[in-house]
Amino acid sequence: MPHFDTEIDTSGLNCPLPLLKAKKALSTLEVGQRLRLIATDRGAFIDIPVYCEISEHKLIDSSETEEQLIFVIEKGKI
C-alpha cells in the first residue's frame, strides 16, 4: 500500500457522501500530499476514479477487501 498523509473512513456512508468527504479532505491538503479513503459503498469504485480523471488529483492506488474499498489519492495542482 502506498504511503499517505491523512485518512478518512466513510464506511457505512452511501454515495455521494464518500466522494464529498474526499473532496473536502483533499481541500485541506497541500499539493502532493496523499489521502487514504476507506469506503464500503460500491459506487465509490466508479465515483472516485472518475472524479480523479476530471480533476487535478491523481488516483495512486485502489484496492478491495471483503468489506472495504480503499483508495489513495494524491492532491494535484489547484
N, C-alpha and C. Protein backbone atom coordinates (compact mmCIF):
# COMPACT_ATOMS: atom_id res chain seq x y z
N MET A 1 0.85 -1.19 0.00
CA MET A 1 0.00 0.00 0.00
C MET A 1 0.89 1.24 0.00
N PRO A 2 0.63 2.16 -0.90
CA PRO A 2 1.41 3.40 -0.96
C PRO A 2 1.24 4.23 0.32
N HIS A 3 2.23 5.08 0.57
CA HIS A 3 2.14 5.93 1.76
C HIS A 3 1.01 6.95 1.58
N PHE A 4 0.53 7.47 2.71
CA PHE A 4 -0.48 8.51 2.68
C PHE A 4 -0.26 9.44 3.87
N ASP A 5 -0.79 10.65 3.76
CA ASP A 5 -0.60 11.67 4.80
C ASP A 5 -1.78 11.78 5.75
N THR A 6 -2.96 11.50 5.26
CA THR A 6 -4.15 11.54 6.11
C THR A 6 -5.13 10.49 5.63
N GLU A 7 -6.06 10.13 6.51
CA GLU A 7 -7.00 9.07 6.18
C GLU A 7 -8.40 9.47 6.63
N ILE A 8 -9.40 9.14 5.83
CA ILE A 8 -10.78 9.28 6.26
C ILE A 8 -11.49 7.96 6.01
N ASP A 9 -12.37 7.62 6.93
CA ASP A 9 -13.13 6.38 6.86
C ASP A 9 -14.59 6.74 6.65
N THR A 10 -15.10 6.41 5.47
CA THR A 10 -16.50 6.71 5.16
C THR A 10 -17.34 5.44 5.16
N SER A 11 -16.87 4.43 5.88
CA SER A 11 -17.60 3.16 5.94
C SER A 11 -19.03 3.39 6.40
N GLY A 12 -19.96 2.75 5.72
CA GLY A 12 -21.37 2.86 6.07
C GLY A 12 -22.09 4.02 5.40
N LEU A 13 -21.35 4.92 4.77
CA LEU A 13 -21.97 6.06 4.09
C LEU A 13 -22.24 5.71 2.64
N ASN A 14 -23.38 6.12 2.14
CA ASN A 14 -23.75 5.86 0.75
C ASN A 14 -23.35 7.03 -0.14
N CYS A 15 -23.17 6.74 -1.42
CA CYS A 15 -22.85 7.77 -2.39
C CYS A 15 -23.96 8.82 -2.38
N PRO A 16 -23.60 10.06 -2.52
CA PRO A 16 -22.28 10.59 -2.88
C PRO A 16 -21.42 10.99 -1.69
N LEU A 17 -21.79 10.62 -0.47
CA LEU A 17 -21.05 11.09 0.71
C LEU A 17 -19.57 10.73 0.72
N PRO A 18 -19.15 9.50 0.34
CA PRO A 18 -17.70 9.25 0.33
C PRO A 18 -16.95 10.21 -0.59
N LEU A 19 -17.50 10.49 -1.75
CA LEU A 19 -16.85 11.42 -2.68
C LEU A 19 -16.83 12.83 -2.10
N LEU A 20 -17.92 13.28 -1.53
CA LEU A 20 -17.97 14.63 -0.95
C LEU A 20 -16.98 14.77 0.19
N LYS A 21 -16.88 13.75 1.03
CA LYS A 21 -15.93 13.81 2.13
C LYS A 21 -14.49 13.77 1.63
N ALA A 22 -14.25 13.03 0.56
CA ALA A 22 -12.91 13.00 -0.04
C ALA A 22 -12.55 14.37 -0.60
N LYS A 23 -13.49 15.01 -1.28
CA LYS A 23 -13.24 16.34 -1.84
C LYS A 23 -12.92 17.33 -0.73
N LYS A 24 -13.66 17.27 0.36
CA LYS A 24 -13.43 18.18 1.49
C LYS A 24 -12.06 17.93 2.10
N ALA A 25 -11.70 16.65 2.30
CA ALA A 25 -10.40 16.32 2.88
C ALA A 25 -9.26 16.76 1.97
N LEU A 26 -9.41 16.56 0.66
CA LEU A 26 -8.37 16.98 -0.28
C LEU A 26 -8.16 18.48 -0.25
N SER A 27 -9.22 19.23 0.00
CA SER A 27 -9.11 20.69 0.02
C SER A 27 -8.24 21.18 1.18
N THR A 28 -8.03 20.34 2.19
CA THR A 28 -7.21 20.74 3.34
C THR A 28 -5.75 20.33 3.18
N LEU A 29 -5.44 19.55 2.15
CA LEU A 29 -4.08 19.05 1.95
C LEU A 29 -3.27 19.99 1.07
N GLU A 30 -1.96 19.85 1.15
CA GLU A 30 -1.04 20.56 0.27
C GLU A 30 -0.87 19.74 -1.01
N VAL A 31 -0.51 20.39 -2.10
CA VAL A 31 -0.25 19.69 -3.36
C VAL A 31 0.81 18.62 -3.12
N GLY A 32 0.55 17.41 -3.62
CA GLY A 32 1.48 16.30 -3.46
C GLY A 32 1.20 15.42 -2.26
N GLN A 33 0.41 15.92 -1.30
CA GLN A 33 0.06 15.07 -0.16
C GLN A 33 -0.99 14.07 -0.60
N ARG A 34 -1.10 12.99 0.18
CA ARG A 34 -2.00 11.90 -0.21
C ARG A 34 -3.06 11.61 0.85
N LEU A 35 -4.24 11.31 0.34
CA LEU A 35 -5.38 10.96 1.17
C LEU A 35 -5.68 9.47 0.98
N ARG A 36 -5.87 8.78 2.08
CA ARG A 36 -6.35 7.39 2.03
C ARG A 36 -7.82 7.42 2.40
N LEU A 37 -8.65 6.95 1.49
CA LEU A 37 -10.10 6.94 1.68
C LEU A 37 -10.56 5.50 1.81
N ILE A 38 -11.32 5.24 2.87
CA ILE A 38 -11.92 3.92 3.08
C ILE A 38 -13.42 4.08 2.87
N ALA A 39 -13.99 3.22 2.05
CA ALA A 39 -15.43 3.28 1.77
C ALA A 39 -15.99 1.86 1.74
N THR A 40 -17.31 1.78 1.90
CA THR A 40 -17.98 0.49 1.79
C THR A 40 -19.03 0.50 0.68
N ASP A 41 -19.41 1.68 0.21
CA ASP A 41 -20.40 1.78 -0.87
C ASP A 41 -19.72 1.46 -2.19
N ARG A 42 -20.23 0.45 -2.89
CA ARG A 42 -19.62 0.01 -4.15
C ARG A 42 -19.60 1.12 -5.20
N GLY A 43 -20.48 2.08 -5.09
CA GLY A 43 -20.49 3.19 -6.03
C GLY A 43 -19.20 3.98 -6.02
N ALA A 44 -18.47 3.92 -4.92
CA ALA A 44 -17.20 4.64 -4.84
C ALA A 44 -16.19 4.11 -5.86
N PHE A 45 -16.31 2.83 -6.25
CA PHE A 45 -15.40 2.28 -7.25
C PHE A 45 -15.58 2.94 -8.61
N ILE A 46 -16.72 3.58 -8.81
CA ILE A 46 -16.96 4.35 -10.03
C ILE A 46 -16.66 5.82 -9.77
N ASP A 47 -17.24 6.35 -8.69
CA ASP A 47 -17.15 7.79 -8.41
C ASP A 47 -15.74 8.30 -8.22
N ILE A 48 -14.94 7.61 -7.43
CA ILE A 48 -13.60 8.12 -7.10
C ILE A 48 -12.68 8.15 -8.33
N PRO A 49 -12.55 7.06 -9.10
CA PRO A 49 -11.70 7.14 -10.30
C PRO A 49 -12.17 8.19 -11.31
N VAL A 50 -13.49 8.31 -11.51
CA VAL A 50 -14.00 9.31 -12.45
C VAL A 50 -13.68 10.71 -11.96
N TYR A 51 -13.87 10.95 -10.67
CA TYR A 51 -13.54 12.26 -10.11
C TYR A 51 -12.07 12.59 -10.33
N CYS A 52 -11.19 11.61 -10.10
CA CYS A 52 -9.76 11.86 -10.29
C CYS A 52 -9.43 12.14 -11.75
N GLU A 53 -10.14 11.49 -12.67
CA GLU A 53 -9.90 11.74 -14.10
C GLU A 53 -10.29 13.15 -14.52
N ILE A 54 -11.35 13.69 -13.92
CA ILE A 54 -11.83 15.01 -14.35
C ILE A 54 -11.32 16.14 -13.46
N SER A 55 -10.53 15.80 -12.45
CA SER A 55 -9.99 16.82 -11.55
C SER A 55 -8.47 16.85 -11.70
N GLU A 56 -7.85 17.66 -10.86
CA GLU A 56 -6.40 17.76 -10.87
C GLU A 56 -5.73 16.69 -10.01
N HIS A 57 -6.53 15.87 -9.34
CA HIS A 57 -6.00 14.87 -8.42
C HIS A 57 -5.66 13.56 -9.15
N LYS A 58 -4.77 12.78 -8.53
CA LYS A 58 -4.30 11.54 -9.16
C LYS A 58 -4.64 10.35 -8.27
N LEU A 59 -5.29 9.36 -8.85
CA LEU A 59 -5.57 8.12 -8.12
C LEU A 59 -4.31 7.27 -8.14
N ILE A 60 -3.69 7.12 -6.99
CA ILE A 60 -2.43 6.39 -6.87
C ILE A 60 -2.67 4.89 -6.77
N ASP A 61 -3.72 4.52 -6.01
CA ASP A 61 -3.96 3.10 -5.78
C ASP A 61 -5.41 2.90 -5.39
N SER A 62 -5.96 1.76 -5.77
CA SER A 62 -7.27 1.35 -5.28
C SER A 62 -7.22 -0.15 -5.04
N SER A 63 -7.85 -0.57 -3.96
CA SER A 63 -7.86 -1.98 -3.62
C SER A 63 -9.17 -2.31 -2.93
N GLU A 64 -9.40 -3.59 -2.79
CA GLU A 64 -10.66 -4.05 -2.22
C GLU A 64 -10.39 -5.21 -1.27
N THR A 65 -11.03 -5.18 -0.11
CA THR A 65 -11.05 -6.32 0.79
C THR A 65 -12.48 -6.85 0.77
N GLU A 66 -12.77 -7.81 1.60
CA GLU A 66 -14.13 -8.34 1.63
C GLU A 66 -15.15 -7.29 2.02
N GLU A 67 -14.72 -6.34 2.86
CA GLU A 67 -15.67 -5.37 3.40
C GLU A 67 -15.39 -3.93 2.99
N GLN A 68 -14.20 -3.63 2.51
CA GLN A 68 -13.84 -2.23 2.27
C GLN A 68 -13.25 -1.99 0.88
N LEU A 69 -13.46 -0.78 0.41
CA LEU A 69 -12.79 -0.26 -0.78
C LEU A 69 -11.80 0.78 -0.28
N ILE A 70 -10.57 0.71 -0.74
CA ILE A 70 -9.54 1.62 -0.25
C ILE A 70 -8.89 2.32 -1.44
N PHE A 71 -8.82 3.64 -1.32
CA PHE A 71 -8.24 4.48 -2.38
C PHE A 71 -7.16 5.36 -1.79
N VAL A 72 -6.10 5.57 -2.55
CA VAL A 72 -5.08 6.56 -2.18
C VAL A 72 -5.07 7.59 -3.31
N ILE A 73 -5.34 8.84 -2.94
CA ILE A 73 -5.45 9.93 -3.90
C ILE A 73 -4.41 10.99 -3.57
N GLU A 74 -3.67 11.39 -4.59
CA GLU A 74 -2.68 12.46 -4.41
C GLU A 74 -3.25 13.77 -4.87
N LYS A 75 -3.14 14.79 -4.01
CA LYS A 75 -3.68 16.09 -4.37
C LYS A 75 -2.86 16.70 -5.49
N GLY A 76 -3.57 17.16 -6.51
CA GLY A 76 -2.92 17.80 -7.64
C GLY A 76 -2.88 19.31 -7.49
N LYS A 77 -2.39 19.96 -8.51
CA LYS A 77 -2.32 21.42 -8.51
C LYS A 77 -3.71 22.00 -8.56
N ILE A 78 -3.82 23.16 -7.97
CA ILE A 78 -5.15 23.82 -7.91
C ILE A 78 -5.37 24.60 -9.19
